[in-house]
Structures are given as C-alpha cells and as structure tokens.
C-alpha cells in the first residue's frame, strides 16, 4: 500500500515553491491517488492565470485540505473564496512532481464559472495510457486541416475522455467519422496543451480517418520539459495580483 504525502503548507512564498527538479518524482501517485483533474482551461481565466494545465494537472490539496474524495468540499471552497485566494498543490502527470500555486476565484474574468476550468474527480491516470505521438501528417488530410504538427504533437484526450490506449482511440475516431471531434494536444514546441477540432473522414483521398500516423509506447512518450511549470504559475499569478483592485 502506497500513501502519497502531499505538502500542505502555504507560506508567503507558496507561489514560488516547486518540486519540478528539486525532489524525486512521485511515481507511486499514478493509478493510486485521487484529485481533481484539470480538463479544460479557458484563456485568461483564473485557472489559466494560476498556470493550470489541461489533462496533465491534478489539484490534490487546497487550503491545506487533501482532496481525496468527491465530497463537495472543493466546490464549496471555490464559492466561498470569491474575491480571495486558494493556495493549491498541483500534481502533474508529465513531471510526476507537485508544485504550489494560488487560484483567485472571480465571476468577473469575462467567461463562465469562477475558475474558468472544467475539473473532474479522478485517479491520477498513467500518462502512457492516453498518449499518442503524431507522426507523419499527410497533405489535404483531416489532421493537416486541423493543424496537427508532425512529430511534435501528442494527443492526450478526446472530448471529455482520456482514452485507454490506441485501440480505444481508434474506436472513438471511427465512431465519430464525419463529425467534429475535440482533441487535447500537447506540443513539444510550446510545452503546452491546446484544443484542436478535427473532423475524421474516409473521403479525404488517403488511408484512415485522420490522415496521420501515430505512435505509442516508451519511444513516443512526452519529452522531458525544458522549463519548469512553476515558473509560468509564478509569473501569471503575480500578474493577476498586480491587476487586482486594491
């Protein structure tokens, strides 16, 4: 039995603290521990300003409380903290490390919700089970029209699902042939996750419904990050604080 110890302190420098490269990876967390997976992040939302990353991030501690059950505590905390801030510990399934950030719920950021993110209570999913490396992208294909970047993009999710391996991904694509599908795609160029809309089709003039090759397994796993996630969170959170009315 593995128990993951997530740090629950929140001192004045919480936003600048991170374990991206300072501590060993928390490999035992994956497939064992629960938290709130960040699924969708709206641009310029409180979640975006806190540096939250779609698909890869799980909020595991908030205000010193371990979020290991879907009991409504986190949702209530968000509602009770409008105009204030929530110190959070976030686990990332790419780095297998935690980092600290601060979320500032508000209804005045210009979009829906107080955070501008979609969250789902879930176990920390193994990244290799829902990662497909985009290989060749063929001209005039659905993949090309959607802007998939050959050898630099990685498909992490489809719509509201984290697919379980290439077979399930293929089934989802085939089922949605002729209909727009939302993909969550990680770029090794930008080290960020973006949303891509693609319309699978058998009539584009080549093989397959997408018109791109995909690879899975160790050789096609997400590359090691060149920059620390915490740095982005620190900059954006500081910018939000500077912009907040006194």
Foldseek 3Di string as FASTA:
>chain_A
DDDDDDDQDDDPCQLQDWVLPPDDFQVVQAPPAKFKAWADADPQFLQVLLLDAHPFKGWQYKNSRGHRDPPCPVVVVLVVQAVHKIWTWIAGLQSNIIGITIGHFYPPRPDDGRGRTDIDIDRRHNQLQQKKAWADADPQFQQVVQPPDHRFKIWQAKARDRHGHDVRVLVVLVVQAQHWIWTWMAGLVVRGTDITITHFYPPSPDDGRGRTDIDGDDVRGRDDHPDDSSVSSSVSRVVVVVPDDD
